[in-house]
């Protein structure tokens, strides 16, 4: 595998063998050495073999091994001749993050953090198989899959402003609930409004540093301000949709004569019946995830008001933005000097649309799309902004988080004999969790340093740093 250095932040994986395009890896020299020992670079090369891929198989600096595509992978396929692959979206369809600001300063809640974090833990359902207070009939369940965030707001979970500050308005319009299996419907009927498990979390933070004051002002960020980050996705519903279509496509792809280097890259041509069915079912899961995060944010607002005994006006919890990480979308991009419609797979990657793009909320259009990059429980999270360079280079994409460094087993071994919760408390972070091994699997050392990851995308110019947030309270699934 031949890797050529382009500059301090870009590396090219030369096209060889069945690769149709090269690989383009955004990373630093230090992080590349570690990547070479993993399977993720092989996955970048494997994705480059798929029919209809354009430009390059890309990897963000938070790249690590995933199912089929690497997590942190970006690939675009010609809308007419290319393929769509569930492995390029992932099991947790539309896993994403939303950031809300408040009118509170850190000193306003410093002495009340225990009560607040305890209340969030008790009133926001989390953990494997967690069920929420929102129980869906079959009829209402279909409405969720079609309407997304709008369904939640219509039920009293939030405001129209929340929808306006959500990517795609919290809804993909091509969703078709008639394509969803009974098993997926059953799993989705009980989990709406739940955080989930693993790396999902609800984080109370403080704006610790501002890098770009004018943009931060547009986003409503100020030093010392209390913030809330919600990281969750489509729960068991999205997992089942992915599982169902992987089973279908694994059989279907054998009829197409496509030589796959990895069976996990099972796919279908976008314009085929199977390809279109997957995209419509995926849209259902994306809409479910947006409704889920909308409810989670509303619950968080209620908990803040009740635990701190303040009014909604005094709290003023306002959604800055909601971004999705695991999704495939039809988008028009400039490729080799001409406009081309493509299906952009972002798996563990975030949209990074620059100033003036019509898909960016008018409130932010002059500066670019807000980008939310969560880190681990003990270090930091970041707010970035999209750039024109990302539009030119990466189909308007950037990183999505810190990226795993250790497997869950390796993290457990390293955490043996330690009290991760006490270590975090000593750093000023109160944490509550569900699941015996959660804290060990999710300890800060299990992840790359998010500041280094963000440093790469900032240095490469595919997104820019706006603010850094410091965690002070975390609820883990």
Protein backbone atom coordinates (compact mmCIF):
# COMPACT_ATOMS: atom_id res chain seq x y z
CA UNK A 1 0.00 0.00 0.00
CA UNK A 2 1.72 3.17 -1.23
CA UNK A 3 0.96 6.39 0.67
CA UNK A 4 2.20 9.74 -0.67
CA UNK A 5 2.40 12.86 1.45
CA UNK A 6 0.66 15.85 -0.14
CA UNK A 7 1.13 18.30 2.74
CA UNK A 8 1.02 18.35 6.55
CA UNK A 9 -2.65 17.33 6.61
CA UNK A 10 -3.28 15.35 3.39
CA UNK A 11 -2.00 11.97 2.29
CA UNK A 12 -2.80 10.12 -0.91
CA UNK A 13 -3.29 6.40 -1.05
CA UNK A 14 -2.23 5.60 -4.60
CA UNK A 15 -4.79 3.79 -6.74
CA UNK A 16 -3.70 0.23 -7.44
CA UNK A 17 -5.27 -3.06 -8.45
CA UNK A 18 -9.07 -2.80 -8.64
CA UNK A 19 -9.17 0.71 -7.09
CA UNK A 20 -11.04 3.08 -9.43
CA UNK A 21 -9.89 6.24 -7.62
CA UNK A 22 -7.15 7.05 -5.10
CA UNK A 23 -7.66 7.37 -1.37
CA UNK A 24 -7.39 10.80 0.27
CA UNK A 25 -6.60 10.73 3.98
CA UNK A 26 -6.77 13.77 6.24
CA UNK A 27 -4.46 13.20 9.19
CA UNK A 28 -1.17 14.18 10.79
CA UNK A 29 2.14 12.33 10.53
CA UNK A 30 1.81 11.15 14.13
CA UNK A 31 -1.71 9.77 13.68
CA UNK A 32 -0.84 8.19 10.32
CA UNK A 33 1.77 5.95 11.94
CA UNK A 34 -0.93 4.51 14.15
CA UNK A 35 -3.37 4.14 11.25
CA UNK A 36 -0.90 2.05 9.28
CA UNK A 37 -1.17 -0.64 11.94
CA UNK A 38 -4.96 -0.84 11.57
CA UNK A 39 -7.38 -2.18 8.96
CA UNK A 40 -8.98 1.21 8.33
CA UNK A 41 -6.64 2.14 5.46
CA UNK A 42 -7.43 -1.16 3.74
CA UNK A 43 -11.09 -0.21 4.03
CA UNK A 44 -10.37 3.14 2.35
CA UNK A 45 -8.83 1.20 -0.55
CA UNK A 46 -11.74 -1.25 -0.65
CA UNK A 47 -14.31 1.54 -0.94
CA UNK A 48 -12.34 2.92 -3.90
CA UNK A 49 -13.20 -0.23 -5.89
CA UNK A 50 -16.97 0.34 -5.88
CA UNK A 51 -18.74 1.22 -9.16
CA UNK A 52 -19.46 4.89 -9.84
CA UNK A 53 -17.20 6.33 -7.14
CA UNK A 54 -15.95 9.80 -8.06
CA UNK A 55 -12.86 11.79 -7.13
CA UNK A 56 -11.50 9.77 -4.19
CA UNK A 57 -12.28 7.49 -1.27
CA UNK A 58 -11.80 9.88 1.64
CA UNK A 59 -10.97 9.46 5.31
CA UNK A 60 -11.19 12.06 8.06
CA UNK A 61 -8.64 12.21 10.92
CA UNK A 62 -11.01 10.40 13.32
CA UNK A 63 -10.96 7.34 11.05
CA UNK A 64 -11.08 3.88 12.58
CA UNK A 65 -12.25 0.43 11.55
CA UNK A 66 -15.94 0.01 10.78
CA UNK A 67 -18.37 -2.34 9.04
CA UNK A 68 -17.44 -2.25 5.33
CA UNK A 69 -16.58 1.44 5.14
CA UNK A 70 -14.24 2.89 7.77
CA UNK A 71 -15.83 5.10 10.40
CA UNK A 72 -14.67 8.54 9.36
CA UNK A 73 -15.12 7.66 5.69
CA UNK A 74 -16.59 9.84 2.94
CA UNK A 75 -17.38 8.64 -0.58
CA UNK A 76 -19.57 10.01 -3.36
CA UNK A 77 -21.08 7.94 -6.18
CA UNK A 78 -22.52 9.16 -9.46
CA UNK A 79 -26.30 9.34 -9.06
CA UNK A 80 -26.96 7.56 -12.37
CA UNK A 81 -24.20 4.93 -12.52
CA UNK A 82 -23.04 4.51 -8.93
CA UNK A 83 -24.03 2.37 -5.97
CA UNK A 84 -25.39 2.86 -2.49
CA UNK A 85 -24.10 0.72 0.38
CA UNK A 86 -25.55 0.33 3.89
CA UNK A 87 -21.98 -0.14 5.11
CA UNK A 88 -21.28 3.42 3.97
CA UNK A 89 -23.98 4.72 6.30
CA UNK A 90 -23.65 2.37 9.25
CA UNK A 91 -25.98 0.62 11.64
CA UNK A 92 -26.89 3.71 13.66
CA UNK A 93 -28.49 5.63 10.80
CA UNK A 94 -28.39 9.40 11.41
CA UNK A 95 -26.44 9.12 14.59
CA UNK A 96 -25.86 12.80 15.24
CA UNK A 97 -25.30 15.66 17.64
CA UNK A 98 -27.25 18.72 18.62
CA UNK A 99 -25.92 21.69 20.58
CA UNK A 100 -28.05 24.02 22.69
CA UNK A 101 -26.95 27.19 24.47
CA UNK A 102 -28.44 28.73 27.61
CA UNK A 103 -28.43 32.11 29.32
CA UNK A 104 -26.69 30.50 32.31
CA UNK A 105 -23.05 31.03 33.22
CA UNK A 106 -20.92 28.36 34.86
CA UNK A 107 -21.05 30.12 38.23
CA UNK A 108 -24.86 29.95 38.15
CA UNK A 109 -24.83 26.14 38.36
CA UNK A 110 -21.43 25.32 39.84
CA UNK A 111 -22.86 24.44 43.27
CA UNK A 112 -25.91 22.66 41.84
CA UNK A 113 -24.24 20.32 39.38
CA UNK A 114 -24.88 17.14 41.39
CA UNK A 115 -28.64 17.78 41.51
CA UNK A 116 -28.69 18.68 37.83
CA UNK A 117 -26.73 15.67 36.58
CA UNK A 118 -28.70 13.31 38.83
CA UNK A 119 -31.95 14.74 37.45
CA UNK A 120 -30.80 14.39 33.84
CA UNK A 121 -29.80 10.79 34.52
CA UNK A 122 -33.14 9.93 36.10
CA UNK A 123 -35.37 11.67 33.55
CA UNK A 124 -33.56 10.99 30.27
CA UNK A 125 -33.75 7.21 29.63
CA UNK A 126 -30.40 5.65 28.68
CA UNK A 127 -28.72 2.28 28.29
CA UNK A 128 -29.07 -0.82 26.11
CA UNK A 129 -32.71 -1.50 25.29
CA UNK A 130 -33.92 1.52 27.24
CA UNK A 131 -37.55 2.45 26.68
CA UNK A 132 -39.00 5.92 26.95
CA UNK A 133 -42.28 7.50 27.95
CA UNK A 134 -43.26 7.98 24.30
CA UNK A 135 -45.12 4.86 23.20
CA UNK A 136 -46.07 4.73 19.53
CA UNK A 137 -49.08 3.11 17.94
CA UNK A 138 -48.53 1.75 14.43
CA UNK A 139 -50.26 4.81 12.96
CA UNK A 140 -48.22 7.32 14.97
CA UNK A 141 -45.05 5.36 14.31
CA UNK A 142 -45.50 5.86 10.57
CA UNK A 143 -46.02 9.58 11.12
CA UNK A 144 -42.69 9.78 12.95
CA UNK A 145 -40.94 8.09 10.02
CA UNK A 146 -42.44 10.53 7.53
CA UNK A 147 -42.34 13.78 9.53
CA UNK A 148 -39.19 13.49 11.67
CA UNK A 149 -38.63 16.48 13.96
CA UNK A 150 -41.95 18.02 12.91
CA UNK A 151 -43.85 15.12 14.50
CA UNK A 152 -42.08 15.70 17.82
CA UNK A 153 -42.75 19.46 17.79
CA UNK A 154 -46.41 18.86 16.88
CA UNK A 155 -46.64 16.67 20.01
CA UNK A 156 -45.34 19.52 22.17
CA UNK A 157 -41.66 18.50 22.25
CA UNK A 158 -40.00 21.79 21.34
CA UNK A 159 -40.57 24.69 18.96
CA UNK A 160 -40.56 25.59 15.28
CA UNK A 161 -37.21 27.32 15.84
CA UNK A 162 -35.73 23.92 16.73
CA UNK A 163 -36.77 22.60 13.31
CA UNK A 164 -35.29 25.62 11.55
CA UNK A 165 -31.96 24.95 13.29
CA UNK A 166 -31.81 21.26 12.31
CA UNK A 167 -30.03 19.90 9.24
CA UNK A 168 -32.59 19.36 6.45
CA UNK A 169 -35.26 20.72 8.78
CA UNK A 170 -35.13 17.40 10.62
CA UNK A 171 -36.77 15.47 7.79
CA UNK A 172 -35.87 13.63 4.57
CA UNK A 173 -38.91 13.85 2.31
CA UNK A 174 -38.43 10.57 0.43
CA UNK A 175 -39.12 8.32 3.43
CA UNK A 176 -41.49 5.38 2.79
CA UNK A 177 -42.66 3.61 5.99
CA UNK A 178 -44.30 0.82 3.96
CA UNK A 179 -40.78 -0.54 3.33
CA UNK A 180 -40.06 -1.04 7.03
CA UNK A 181 -40.11 -4.56 8.51
CA UNK A 182 -42.38 -5.49 11.40
CA UNK A 183 -39.32 -6.15 13.55
CA UNK A 184 -37.97 -2.63 12.94
CA UNK A 185 -41.37 -1.11 13.69
CA UNK A 186 -41.58 -3.11 16.91
CA UNK A 187 -38.13 -1.97 18.07
CA UNK A 188 -38.90 1.64 17.21
CA UNK A 189 -42.24 1.71 19.00
CA UNK A 190 -40.69 1.76 22.48
CA UNK A 191 -37.37 3.59 22.13
CA UNK A 192 -38.28 7.09 20.95
CA UNK A 193 -36.93 9.70 23.35
CA UNK A 194 -34.09 7.51 24.68
CA UNK A 195 -30.38 8.19 24.65
CA UNK A 196 -29.11 4.69 23.93
CA UNK A 197 -25.82 3.10 24.94
CA UNK A 198 -22.14 2.97 23.99
CA UNK A 199 -20.75 6.32 22.90
CA UNK A 200 -24.12 8.11 23.13
CA UNK A 201 -24.31 10.80 25.77
CA UNK A 202 -25.83 13.98 27.10
CA UNK A 203 -23.17 16.50 28.10
CA UNK A 204 -23.41 19.73 30.08
CA UNK A 205 -20.50 21.95 29.13
CA UNK A 206 -19.04 25.42 29.37
CA UNK A 207 -17.71 27.57 26.52
CA UNK A 208 -14.03 27.66 27.48
CA UNK A 209 -12.40 29.36 24.48
CA UNK A 210 -13.54 31.26 21.40
CA UNK A 211 -11.33 31.22 18.32
CA UNK A 212 -13.49 33.17 15.84
CA UNK A 213 -15.49 35.82 17.76
CA UNK A 214 -17.66 37.09 14.89
CA UNK A 215 -18.81 33.59 13.93
CA UNK A 216 -19.30 32.62 17.58
CA UNK A 217 -21.52 35.67 17.96
CA UNK A 218 -23.66 34.54 15.00
CA UNK A 219 -23.94 31.07 16.61
CA UNK A 220 -24.90 32.64 19.96
CA UNK A 221 -21.80 31.43 21.83
CA UNK A 222 -20.04 33.39 24.58
CA UNK A 223 -17.33 32.64 27.13
CA UNK A 224 -18.43 30.92 30.33
CA UNK A 225 -21.84 30.03 28.89
CA UNK A 226 -23.48 26.73 29.88
CA UNK A 227 -24.24 24.45 26.91
CA UNK A 228 -25.89 21.09 26.30
CA UNK A 229 -24.73 18.49 23.76
CA UNK A 230 -26.96 15.53 22.86
CA UNK A 231 -25.40 12.62 20.95
CA UNK A 232 -27.81 9.89 19.87
CA UNK A 233 -29.28 8.25 16.79
CA UNK A 234 -32.04 6.00 15.49
CA UNK A 235 -31.63 3.39 18.24
CA UNK A 236 -32.75 -0.18 17.59
CA UNK A 237 -34.99 1.00 14.77
CA UNK A 238 -32.09 2.18 12.62
CA UNK A 239 -30.02 -0.87 13.49
CA UNK A 240 -32.81 -3.14 12.28
CA UNK A 241 -33.29 -1.19 9.04
CA UNK A 242 -29.58 -1.56 8.30
CA UNK A 243 -29.59 -5.25 9.21
CA UNK A 244 -32.63 -5.92 7.04
CA UNK A 245 -31.12 -4.29 3.95
CA UNK A 246 -27.68 -5.80 4.43
CA UNK A 247 -29.36 -9.21 4.23
CA UNK A 248 -31.19 -8.16 1.06
CA UNK A 249 -28.16 -6.57 -0.59
CA UNK A 250 -25.78 -9.39 0.31
CA UNK A 251 -27.89 -11.64 -1.93
CA UNK A 252 -28.66 -8.97 -4.52
CA UNK A 253 -25.04 -7.94 -5.15
CA UNK A 254 -24.16 -11.50 -6.19
CA UNK A 255 -26.45 -11.06 -9.20
CA UNK A 256 -24.65 -7.92 -10.39
CA UNK A 257 -21.21 -9.31 -11.22
CA UNK A 258 -19.49 -6.77 -8.94
CA UNK A 259 -16.25 -8.15 -7.49
CA UNK A 260 -16.28 -7.01 -3.88
CA UNK A 261 -13.01 -7.09 -1.92
CA UNK A 262 -15.10 -7.36 1.27
CA UNK A 263 -18.60 -8.84 1.54
CA UNK A 264 -19.43 -6.11 4.07
CA UNK A 265 -19.48 -3.71 1.10
CA UNK A 266 -22.76 -5.25 -0.11
CA UNK A 267 -24.46 -2.66 -2.31
CA UNK A 268 -27.00 -1.98 -5.05
CA UNK A 269 -27.03 0.46 -7.95
CA UNK A 270 -28.68 3.69 -6.84
CA UNK A 271 -31.17 3.61 -9.69
CA UNK A 272 -32.17 -0.02 -9.07
CA UNK A 273 -35.33 -0.98 -7.21
CA UNK A 274 -33.27 -2.32 -4.29
CA UNK A 275 -31.15 0.82 -4.15
CA UNK A 276 -34.18 3.10 -4.11
CA UNK A 277 -35.91 0.98 -1.47
CA UNK A 278 -32.88 1.24 0.80
CA UNK A 279 -32.66 5.03 0.43
CA UNK A 280 -36.36 5.38 1.30
CA UNK A 281 -36.04 3.08 4.32
CA UNK A 282 -32.84 4.85 5.40
CA UNK A 283 -34.76 8.15 5.27
CA UNK A 284 -37.32 6.65 7.69
CA UNK A 285 -34.53 5.86 10.16
CA UNK A 286 -33.01 9.32 9.68
CA UNK A 287 -36.36 10.93 10.47
CA UNK A 288 -36.76 8.70 13.53
CA UNK A 289 -33.34 9.86 14.77
CA UNK A 290 -34.22 13.53 14.35
CA UNK A 291 -37.48 13.04 16.24
CA UNK A 292 -35.53 11.20 18.94
CA UNK A 293 -32.99 13.99 19.43
CA UNK A 294 -35.78 16.57 19.37
CA UNK A 295 -37.51 14.83 22.27
CA UNK A 296 -34.22 14.41 24.14
CA UNK A 297 -33.52 18.14 23.87
CA UNK A 298 -37.02 19.01 25.08
CA UNK A 299 -36.65 16.65 28.05
CA UNK A 300 -33.31 18.32 28.85
CA UNK A 301 -34.96 21.74 28.85
CA UNK A 302 -37.61 20.50 31.27
CA UNK A 303 -35.03 18.92 33.59
CA UNK A 304 -32.93 22.11 33.72
CA UNK A 305 -35.98 24.18 34.60
CA UNK A 306 -37.17 21.78 37.30
CA UNK A 307 -33.80 20.94 38.84
CA UNK A 308 -32.62 24.55 38.93
CA UNK A 309 -36.07 26.02 39.71
CA UNK A 310 -35.89 28.57 36.91
CA UNK A 311 -38.32 29.70 34.22
CA UNK A 312 -38.03 28.83 30.53
CA UNK A 313 -37.28 32.51 29.87
CA UNK A 314 -34.44 32.61 32.40
CA UNK A 315 -32.98 29.38 31.02
CA UNK A 316 -33.48 30.29 27.34
CA UNK A 317 -32.18 26.93 26.09
CA UNK A 318 -31.85 27.51 22.35
CA UNK A 319 -30.85 24.98 19.72
CA UNK A 320 -27.79 26.13 17.80
CA UNK A 321 -27.81 23.26 15.32
CA UNK A 322 -28.31 19.53 14.81
CA UNK A 323 -25.95 17.63 12.50
CA UNK A 324 -26.08 14.01 11.34
CA UNK A 325 -23.08 11.70 11.04
CA UNK A 326 -24.23 8.47 9.40
CA UNK A 327 -26.21 9.11 6.24
CA UNK A 328 -26.27 8.98 2.42
CA UNK A 329 -27.67 11.99 0.56
CA UNK A 330 -28.31 13.14 -2.99
CA UNK A 331 -26.31 16.33 -3.46
CA UNK A 332 -24.97 18.41 -6.34
CA UNK A 333 -21.25 19.17 -6.30
CA UNK A 334 -18.59 20.62 -8.59
CA UNK A 335 -16.47 17.73 -9.83
CA UNK A 336 -13.70 18.28 -12.35
CA UNK A 337 -15.17 21.64 -13.30
CA UNK A 338 -18.77 20.60 -13.81
CA UNK A 339 -21.90 20.18 -11.69
CA UNK A 340 -22.73 16.57 -10.93
CA UNK A 341 -25.43 14.86 -8.86
CA UNK A 342 -23.94 12.29 -6.52
CA UNK A 343 -24.92 10.15 -3.54
CA UNK A 344 -22.60 11.25 -0.73
CA UNK A 345 -22.00 8.62 1.95
CA UNK A 346 -20.86 10.16 5.23
CA UNK A 347 -20.13 7.49 7.82
CA UNK A 348 -18.71 9.03 10.97
CA UNK A 349 -18.37 12.29 9.08
CA UNK A 350 -20.25 15.58 9.24
CA UNK A 351 -21.49 17.98 6.60
CA UNK A 352 -19.30 21.11 6.29
CA UNK A 353 -21.20 23.39 3.93
CA UNK A 354 -19.60 26.80 3.46
CA UNK A 355 -20.90 30.36 3.34
CA UNK A 356 -23.70 31.07 0.88
CA UNK A 357 -24.84 27.48 0.39
CA UNK A 358 -28.64 27.38 0.02
CA UNK A 359 -28.92 24.31 2.30
CA UNK A 360 -27.51 26.28 5.24
CA UNK A 361 -30.02 27.92 7.59
CA UNK A 362 -30.44 31.58 6.51
CA UNK A 363 -29.39 32.69 10.01
CA UNK A 364 -25.96 31.12 9.42
CA UNK A 365 -25.67 31.36 5.64
CA UNK A 366 -23.31 34.34 5.67
CA UNK A 367 -20.71 32.47 7.77
CA UNK A 368 -21.34 28.78 6.96
CA UNK A 369 -22.91 25.77 8.64
CA UNK A 370 -22.27 25.10 12.34
CA UNK A 371 -20.37 21.82 12.88
CA UNK A 372 -20.44 19.99 16.21
CA UNK A 373 -17.49 17.79 17.15
CA UNK A 374 -17.89 15.92 20.47
CA UNK A 375 -14.81 14.61 22.21
CA UNK A 376 -14.51 12.20 25.12
CA UNK A 377 -15.89 12.69 28.62
CA UNK A 378 -12.76 14.27 30.04
CA UNK A 379 -11.27 16.66 27.53
CA UNK A 380 -13.27 18.91 25.20
CA UNK A 381 -15.81 19.25 22.42
CA UNK A 382 -15.64 21.77 19.57
CA UNK A 383 -17.85 23.96 17.46
CA UNK A 384 -16.52 24.48 13.93
CA UNK A 385 -17.87 26.18 10.82
CA UNK A 386 -18.08 24.92 7.23
CA UNK A 387 -15.84 26.27 4.47
CA UNK A 388 -15.74 26.74 0.71
CA UNK A 389 -12.61 24.59 0.61
CA UNK A 390 -14.59 21.65 1.98
CA UNK A 391 -17.11 22.18 -0.83
CA UNK A 392 -14.28 21.97 -3.36
CA UNK A 393 -12.38 19.04 -1.80
CA UNK A 394 -14.55 16.79 0.34
CA UNK A 395 -18.11 17.16 -0.96
CA UNK A 396 -18.64 19.57 1.94
CA UNK A 397 -17.53 17.11 4.64
CA UNK A 398 -15.34 17.08 7.74
CA UNK A 399 -14.68 14.93 10.84
CA UNK A 400 -17.39 13.96 13.33
CA UNK A 401 -15.66 13.38 16.67
CA UNK A 402 -12.54 12.13 18.38
CA UNK A 403 -12.56 8.62 16.90
CA UNK A 404 -11.85 5.45 18.86
CA UNK A 405 -8.27 4.64 19.72
CA UNK A 406 -8.82 1.45 21.74
CA UNK A 407 -11.27 -1.37 21.19
CA UNK A 408 -13.83 -1.83 23.93
CA UNK A 409 -11.99 -4.91 25.20
CA UNK A 410 -8.66 -3.08 25.25
CA UNK A 411 -10.22 -0.14 27.08
CA UNK A 412 -11.65 -2.46 29.72
CA UNK A 413 -8.25 -4.04 30.26
CA UNK A 414 -6.60 -0.63 30.63
CA UNK A 415 -9.29 0.55 33.06
CA UNK A 416 -9.03 -2.49 35.32
CA UNK A 417 -8.50 -1.51 38.95
CA UNK A 418 -9.25 2.17 38.28
CA UNK A 419 -12.24 4.31 39.22
CA UNK A 420 -12.93 6.25 36.02
CA UNK A 421 -15.79 8.17 37.65
CA UNK A 422 -13.49 9.36 40.46
CA UNK A 423 -10.79 10.35 37.98
CA UNK A 424 -13.32 12.39 36.02
CA UNK A 425 -14.69 13.99 39.19
CA UNK A 426 -11.15 15.06 40.08
CA UNK A 427 -11.05 16.82 36.70
CA UNK A 428 -14.32 18.61 37.45
CA UNK A 429 -16.59 16.31 35.44
CA UNK A 430 -19.57 14.64 37.15
CA UNK A 431 -20.64 11.51 35.31
CA UNK A 432 -23.63 9.17 35.60
CA UNK A 433 -23.88 6.00 33.56
CA UNK A 434 -25.93 2.92 32.76
CA UNK A 435 -24.28 -0.44 32.20
CA UNK A 436 -21.56 -2.21 34.13
CA UNK A 437 -18.75 -1.73 31.63
CA UNK A 438 -19.80 1.60 30.14
CA UNK A 439 -17.28 3.88 31.84
CA UNK A 440 -14.37 1.50 31.21
CA UNK A 441 -15.26 1.16 27.51
CA UNK A 442 -15.78 4.91 27.13
CA UNK A 443 -12.94 6.29 29.27
CA UNK A 444 -11.11 9.27 27.74
CA UNK A 445 -8.02 7.24 26.79
CA UNK A 446 -10.21 5.02 24.57
CA UNK A 447 -10.41 7.94 22.13
CA UNK A 448 -8.01 10.05 20.12
CA UNK A 449 -7.35 13.54 21.41
CA UNK A 450 -10.15 15.54 19.80
CA UNK A 451 -7.98 18.67 19.78
CA UNK A 452 -5.50 16.91 17.50
CA UNK A 453 -8.30 15.68 15.24
CA UNK A 454 -9.82 19.16 15.01
CA UNK A 455 -6.35 20.61 14.44
CA UNK A 456 -6.07 18.56 11.24
CA UNK A 457 -9.38 19.64 9.68
CA UNK A 458 -8.74 23.25 10.73
CA UNK A 459 -5.21 23.15 9.31
CA UNK A 460 -6.47 21.56 6.09
CA UNK A 461 -9.12 24.26 5.78
CA UNK A 462 -12.10 21.89 5.43
CA UNK A 463 -13.63 23.44 8.56
CA UNK A 464 -12.53 26.15 10.99
CA UNK A 465 -12.44 26.29 14.78
CA UNK A 466 -15.04 28.59 16.35
CA UNK A 467 -15.19 27.54 20.02
CA UNK A 468 -14.06 24.88 22.50
CA UNK A 469 -16.43 23.49 25.12
CA UNK A 470 -15.29 21.90 28.40
CA UNK A 471 -17.47 19.12 29.85
CA UNK A 472 -18.66 19.53 33.45
CA UNK A 473 -21.42 16.91 33.58
CA UNK A 474 -22.07 13.81 31.49
CA UNK A 475 -24.84 11.20 31.28
CA UNK A 476 -23.67 8.08 29.41
CA UNK A 477 -25.84 5.38 27.93
